[in-house]
Amino acid sequence: MSPTPKGWGRKGGNPPIAPNEGTSYGVVSHVVLDAMMTDEVHNSPILSKRERQCLTYLAQGLRVIDLADAIGIKPKTAEKQIASARAKLGAATREQAVAIAIRNNLL
């Protein structure tokens, strides 16, 4: 009998389920998990105050139009700030940018 893989319980049990194998993770949750498991950011870039504000409001679930109103800028400007933050973080999506920023203590 082979030794039980670490983390599978005392008697072996079932292996951990990968995010794409029958789980019901939401899109954001899946992206957050992916970002947490990989290392997309090297030498964490510095985000501007506005970029951090926009990502913080996105993390709280606000839509762009609502976050723009909350910080007193136009929605188009908010979109540009988010795009700039994504580029600095090397993120493919807004959700991934939020996850990377949180993981790297940028928010």
N, C-alpha and C. Protein backbone atom coordinates (compact mmCIF):
# COMPACT_ATOMS: atom_id res chain seq x y z
N MET A 1 0.84 -1.17 0.00
CA MET A 1 0.00 0.00 0.00
C MET A 1 0.89 1.24 0.00
N SER A 2 0.60 2.18 -0.91
CA SER A 2 1.42 3.38 -1.00
C SER A 2 1.02 4.37 0.10
N PRO A 3 1.96 5.22 0.50
CA PRO A 3 1.64 6.18 1.55
C PRO A 3 0.57 7.16 1.09
N THR A 4 -0.21 7.64 2.05
CA THR A 4 -1.28 8.60 1.75
C THR A 4 -0.66 9.94 1.38
N PRO A 5 -1.09 10.50 0.23
CA PRO A 5 -0.57 11.82 -0.14
C PRO A 5 -0.94 12.84 0.93
N LYS A 6 -0.01 13.74 1.20
CA LYS A 6 -0.21 14.75 2.22
C LYS A 6 -1.46 15.58 1.90
N GLY A 7 -2.31 15.79 2.89
CA GLY A 7 -3.49 16.63 2.73
C GLY A 7 -4.74 15.89 2.28
N TRP A 8 -4.65 14.57 2.07
CA TRP A 8 -5.81 13.82 1.61
C TRP A 8 -6.51 13.10 2.74
N GLY A 9 -6.20 13.41 3.94
CA GLY A 9 -6.86 12.78 5.07
C GLY A 9 -6.09 11.58 5.58
N ARG A 10 -6.50 11.08 6.74
CA ARG A 10 -5.78 10.00 7.39
C ARG A 10 -5.81 8.71 6.58
N LYS A 11 -6.93 8.42 5.95
CA LYS A 11 -7.06 7.16 5.20
C LYS A 11 -7.00 7.37 3.69
N GLY A 12 -6.52 8.50 3.29
CA GLY A 12 -6.38 8.73 1.86
C GLY A 12 -7.52 9.56 1.31
N GLY A 13 -8.74 9.07 1.41
CA GLY A 13 -9.89 9.84 0.94
C GLY A 13 -9.78 10.19 -0.53
N ASN A 14 -10.51 11.18 -0.91
CA ASN A 14 -10.48 11.64 -2.30
C ASN A 14 -9.48 12.77 -2.46
N PRO A 15 -8.86 12.84 -3.61
CA PRO A 15 -7.93 13.94 -3.85
C PRO A 15 -8.70 15.25 -3.92
N PRO A 16 -8.02 16.37 -3.68
CA PRO A 16 -8.70 17.66 -3.78
C PRO A 16 -9.24 17.87 -5.19
N ILE A 17 -10.35 18.53 -5.28
CA ILE A 17 -10.97 18.79 -6.58
C ILE A 17 -10.37 20.05 -7.19
N ALA A 18 -9.96 19.96 -8.43
CA ALA A 18 -9.44 21.12 -9.15
C ALA A 18 -10.62 22.04 -9.48
N PRO A 19 -10.38 23.37 -9.63
CA PRO A 19 -11.47 24.31 -9.87
C PRO A 19 -12.38 23.98 -11.05
N ASN A 20 -11.88 23.26 -12.05
CA ASN A 20 -12.71 22.98 -13.22
C ASN A 20 -13.36 21.60 -13.19
N GLU A 21 -13.25 20.88 -12.10
CA GLU A 21 -13.78 19.53 -12.04
C GLU A 21 -15.02 19.44 -11.18
N GLY A 22 -16.15 19.83 -11.74
CA GLY A 22 -17.42 19.64 -11.06
C GLY A 22 -17.71 20.61 -9.93
N THR A 23 -16.94 21.68 -9.82
CA THR A 23 -17.21 22.65 -8.77
C THR A 23 -18.07 23.77 -9.32
N SER A 24 -18.62 24.56 -8.43
CA SER A 24 -19.48 25.66 -8.88
C SER A 24 -18.88 26.99 -8.48
N TYR A 25 -17.56 27.14 -8.63
CA TYR A 25 -16.94 28.42 -8.34
C TYR A 25 -17.49 29.47 -9.30
N GLY A 26 -17.71 30.66 -8.79
CA GLY A 26 -18.12 31.77 -9.66
C GLY A 26 -16.93 32.22 -10.47
N VAL A 27 -17.18 33.04 -11.46
CA VAL A 27 -16.10 33.51 -12.33
C VAL A 27 -15.07 34.28 -11.52
N VAL A 28 -15.51 35.18 -10.66
CA VAL A 28 -14.57 35.95 -9.87
C VAL A 28 -13.79 35.04 -8.94
N SER A 29 -14.46 34.11 -8.28
CA SER A 29 -13.78 33.21 -7.36
C SER A 29 -12.71 32.40 -8.07
N HIS A 30 -13.03 31.92 -9.26
CA HIS A 30 -12.07 31.12 -10.03
C HIS A 30 -10.85 31.97 -10.38
N VAL A 31 -11.07 33.20 -10.80
CA VAL A 31 -9.96 34.08 -11.15
C VAL A 31 -9.13 34.40 -9.92
N VAL A 32 -9.80 34.64 -8.79
CA VAL A 32 -9.09 34.93 -7.55
C VAL A 32 -8.22 33.74 -7.16
N LEU A 33 -8.78 32.53 -7.25
CA LEU A 33 -8.01 31.34 -6.91
C LEU A 33 -6.82 31.18 -7.84
N ASP A 34 -7.02 31.41 -9.13
CA ASP A 34 -5.92 31.30 -10.09
C ASP A 34 -4.82 32.30 -9.77
N ALA A 35 -5.21 33.54 -9.47
CA ALA A 35 -4.23 34.57 -9.18
C ALA A 35 -3.46 34.25 -7.90
N MET A 36 -4.14 33.65 -6.94
CA MET A 36 -3.49 33.33 -5.68
C MET A 36 -2.52 32.16 -5.83
N MET A 37 -2.73 31.30 -6.82
CA MET A 37 -1.90 30.13 -6.99
C MET A 37 -0.69 30.38 -7.89
N THR A 38 -0.66 31.51 -8.58
CA THR A 38 0.44 31.79 -9.48
C THR A 38 1.12 33.09 -9.06
N ASP A 39 2.20 33.39 -9.71
CA ASP A 39 2.96 34.58 -9.36
C ASP A 39 3.03 35.50 -10.56
N GLU A 40 1.94 36.27 -10.81
CA GLU A 40 1.92 37.15 -11.97
C GLU A 40 2.73 38.42 -11.77
N VAL A 41 2.89 38.86 -10.53
CA VAL A 41 3.52 40.15 -10.27
C VAL A 41 4.93 39.94 -9.75
N HIS A 42 5.86 40.54 -10.43
CA HIS A 42 7.24 40.53 -9.98
C HIS A 42 7.58 41.98 -9.67
N ASN A 43 8.17 42.22 -8.51
CA ASN A 43 8.48 43.59 -8.09
C ASN A 43 7.22 44.45 -8.19
N SER A 44 6.23 44.15 -7.39
CA SER A 44 4.92 44.80 -7.41
C SER A 44 4.99 46.26 -7.82
N PRO A 45 4.37 46.59 -8.93
CA PRO A 45 4.38 47.98 -9.40
C PRO A 45 3.55 48.86 -8.47
N ILE A 46 3.87 50.10 -8.44
CA ILE A 46 3.13 51.03 -7.60
C ILE A 46 1.92 51.54 -8.37
N LEU A 47 0.76 51.40 -7.74
CA LEU A 47 -0.47 51.91 -8.33
C LEU A 47 -0.70 53.33 -7.85
N SER A 48 -1.29 54.15 -8.71
CA SER A 48 -1.63 55.51 -8.30
C SER A 48 -2.79 55.47 -7.31
N LYS A 49 -3.01 56.60 -6.64
CA LYS A 49 -4.10 56.68 -5.67
C LYS A 49 -5.43 56.36 -6.35
N ARG A 50 -5.68 56.92 -7.54
CA ARG A 50 -6.93 56.68 -8.26
C ARG A 50 -7.07 55.22 -8.68
N GLU A 51 -5.99 54.62 -9.14
CA GLU A 51 -6.03 53.21 -9.53
C GLU A 51 -6.40 52.34 -8.33
N ARG A 52 -5.78 52.63 -7.18
CA ARG A 52 -6.12 51.88 -5.96
C ARG A 52 -7.57 52.09 -5.56
N GLN A 53 -8.05 53.33 -5.66
CA GLN A 53 -9.45 53.60 -5.32
C GLN A 53 -10.39 52.80 -6.22
N CYS A 54 -10.12 52.83 -7.51
CA CYS A 54 -10.99 52.11 -8.46
C CYS A 54 -10.98 50.61 -8.19
N LEU A 55 -9.81 50.03 -7.97
CA LEU A 55 -9.73 48.60 -7.70
C LEU A 55 -10.39 48.25 -6.37
N THR A 56 -10.28 49.14 -5.39
CA THR A 56 -10.92 48.90 -4.09
C THR A 56 -12.43 48.85 -4.25
N TYR A 57 -12.98 49.80 -4.99
CA TYR A 57 -14.44 49.80 -5.20
C TYR A 57 -14.88 48.60 -6.04
N LEU A 58 -14.06 48.21 -7.02
CA LEU A 58 -14.39 47.00 -7.79
C LEU A 58 -14.42 45.78 -6.87
N ALA A 59 -13.45 45.71 -5.96
CA ALA A 59 -13.39 44.59 -5.02
C ALA A 59 -14.63 44.54 -4.14
N GLN A 60 -15.22 45.70 -3.89
CA GLN A 60 -16.43 45.77 -3.07
C GLN A 60 -17.69 45.48 -3.88
N GLY A 61 -17.54 45.28 -5.19
CA GLY A 61 -18.67 44.91 -6.03
C GLY A 61 -19.35 46.06 -6.75
N LEU A 62 -18.79 47.27 -6.69
CA LEU A 62 -19.42 48.39 -7.38
C LEU A 62 -19.20 48.30 -8.88
N ARG A 63 -20.17 48.79 -9.62
CA ARG A 63 -20.03 48.91 -11.07
C ARG A 63 -19.20 50.16 -11.35
N VAL A 64 -18.65 50.25 -12.56
CA VAL A 64 -17.80 51.38 -12.92
C VAL A 64 -18.55 52.70 -12.75
N ILE A 65 -19.77 52.76 -13.20
CA ILE A 65 -20.54 54.00 -13.10
C ILE A 65 -20.72 54.42 -11.64
N ASP A 66 -20.91 53.45 -10.76
CA ASP A 66 -21.09 53.75 -9.34
C ASP A 66 -19.78 54.14 -8.67
N LEU A 67 -18.71 53.47 -9.00
CA LEU A 67 -17.43 53.83 -8.38
C LEU A 67 -16.96 55.19 -8.87
N ALA A 68 -17.23 55.50 -10.14
CA ALA A 68 -16.87 56.81 -10.68
C ALA A 68 -17.61 57.91 -9.91
N ASP A 69 -18.89 57.68 -9.67
CA ASP A 69 -19.69 58.64 -8.92
C ASP A 69 -19.17 58.78 -7.49
N ALA A 70 -18.77 57.67 -6.89
CA ALA A 70 -18.30 57.68 -5.50
C ALA A 70 -17.01 58.49 -5.32
N ILE A 71 -16.14 58.46 -6.32
CA ILE A 71 -14.88 59.19 -6.18
C ILE A 71 -14.85 60.49 -6.99
N GLY A 72 -15.97 60.81 -7.64
CA GLY A 72 -16.09 62.10 -8.32
C GLY A 72 -15.36 62.22 -9.64
N ILE A 73 -15.33 61.13 -10.42
CA ILE A 73 -14.73 61.18 -11.75
C ILE A 73 -15.74 60.63 -12.75
N LYS A 74 -15.46 60.83 -14.03
CA LYS A 74 -16.34 60.32 -15.08
C LYS A 74 -16.09 58.82 -15.25
N PRO A 75 -17.13 58.08 -15.65
CA PRO A 75 -16.96 56.64 -15.88
C PRO A 75 -15.83 56.30 -16.86
N LYS A 76 -15.68 57.11 -17.89
CA LYS A 76 -14.62 56.88 -18.88
C LYS A 76 -13.24 56.99 -18.21
N THR A 77 -13.10 57.96 -17.30
CA THR A 77 -11.85 58.12 -16.57
C THR A 77 -11.60 56.92 -15.66
N ALA A 78 -12.66 56.44 -15.03
CA ALA A 78 -12.54 55.25 -14.17
C ALA A 78 -12.09 54.05 -15.00
N GLU A 79 -12.67 53.89 -16.19
CA GLU A 79 -12.27 52.79 -17.08
C GLU A 79 -10.78 52.89 -17.41
N LYS A 80 -10.30 54.10 -17.67
CA LYS A 80 -8.89 54.29 -17.99
C LYS A 80 -8.00 53.96 -16.79
N GLN A 81 -8.44 54.34 -15.59
CA GLN A 81 -7.67 54.03 -14.39
C GLN A 81 -7.58 52.51 -14.18
N ILE A 82 -8.69 51.84 -14.40
CA ILE A 82 -8.73 50.38 -14.24
C ILE A 82 -7.83 49.71 -15.28
N ALA A 83 -7.90 50.21 -16.53
CA ALA A 83 -7.05 49.66 -17.59
C ALA A 83 -5.57 49.87 -17.27
N SER A 84 -5.25 51.03 -16.71
CA SER A 84 -3.87 51.32 -16.35
C SER A 84 -3.40 50.39 -15.23
N ALA A 85 -4.25 50.17 -14.24
CA ALA A 85 -3.92 49.26 -13.13
C ALA A 85 -3.73 47.84 -13.66
N ARG A 86 -4.62 47.41 -14.56
CA ARG A 86 -4.48 46.07 -15.14
C ARG A 86 -3.16 45.92 -15.85
N ALA A 87 -2.77 46.94 -16.61
CA ALA A 87 -1.51 46.87 -17.36
C ALA A 87 -0.32 46.79 -16.40
N LYS A 88 -0.33 47.61 -15.35
CA LYS A 88 0.76 47.60 -14.39
C LYS A 88 0.87 46.27 -13.66
N LEU A 89 -0.28 45.64 -13.42
CA LEU A 89 -0.30 44.37 -12.69
C LEU A 89 -0.15 43.15 -13.59
N GLY A 90 -0.22 43.36 -14.90
CA GLY A 90 -0.13 42.24 -15.82
C GLY A 90 -1.37 41.36 -15.78
N ALA A 91 -2.52 41.96 -15.47
CA ALA A 91 -3.77 41.22 -15.33
C ALA A 91 -4.56 41.21 -16.63
N ALA A 92 -5.19 40.09 -16.92
CA ALA A 92 -6.02 39.96 -18.11
C ALA A 92 -7.42 40.52 -17.90
N THR A 93 -7.89 40.51 -16.67
CA THR A 93 -9.25 40.97 -16.36
C THR A 93 -9.24 41.87 -15.14
N ARG A 94 -10.35 42.57 -14.94
CA ARG A 94 -10.50 43.40 -13.75
C ARG A 94 -10.42 42.56 -12.48
N GLU A 95 -11.10 41.43 -12.53
CA GLU A 95 -11.12 40.55 -11.36
C GLU A 95 -9.73 40.08 -11.00
N GLN A 96 -8.95 39.75 -12.01
CA GLN A 96 -7.58 39.29 -11.78
C GLN A 96 -6.74 40.43 -11.22
N ALA A 97 -6.96 41.65 -11.70
CA ALA A 97 -6.23 42.81 -11.18
C ALA A 97 -6.52 43.01 -9.70
N VAL A 98 -7.79 42.88 -9.32
CA VAL A 98 -8.17 43.02 -7.92
C VAL A 98 -7.48 41.94 -7.08
N ALA A 99 -7.52 40.72 -7.56
CA ALA A 99 -6.91 39.60 -6.82
C ALA A 99 -5.41 39.80 -6.66
N ILE A 100 -4.74 40.22 -7.71
CA ILE A 100 -3.30 40.44 -7.65
C ILE A 100 -2.98 41.57 -6.68
N ALA A 101 -3.74 42.65 -6.77
CA ALA A 101 -3.50 43.80 -5.89
C ALA A 101 -3.71 43.42 -4.42
N ILE A 102 -4.74 42.65 -4.15
CA ILE A 102 -5.00 42.21 -2.76
C ILE A 102 -3.87 41.31 -2.27
N ARG A 103 -3.48 40.35 -3.11
CA ARG A 103 -2.44 39.41 -2.71
C ARG A 103 -1.11 40.10 -2.44
N ASN A 104 -0.86 41.19 -3.14
CA ASN A 104 0.40 41.90 -2.99
C ASN A 104 0.29 43.11 -2.08
N ASN A 105 -0.80 43.15 -1.30
CA ASN A 105 -1.02 44.24 -0.33
C ASN A 105 -0.95 45.62 -0.95
N LEU A 106 -1.48 45.75 -2.15
CA LEU A 106 -1.51 47.04 -2.82
C LEU A 106 -2.80 47.80 -2.57
N LEU A 107 -3.78 47.12 -2.02
CA LEU A 107 -5.06 47.77 -1.71
C LEU A 107 -5.21 47.88 -0.21
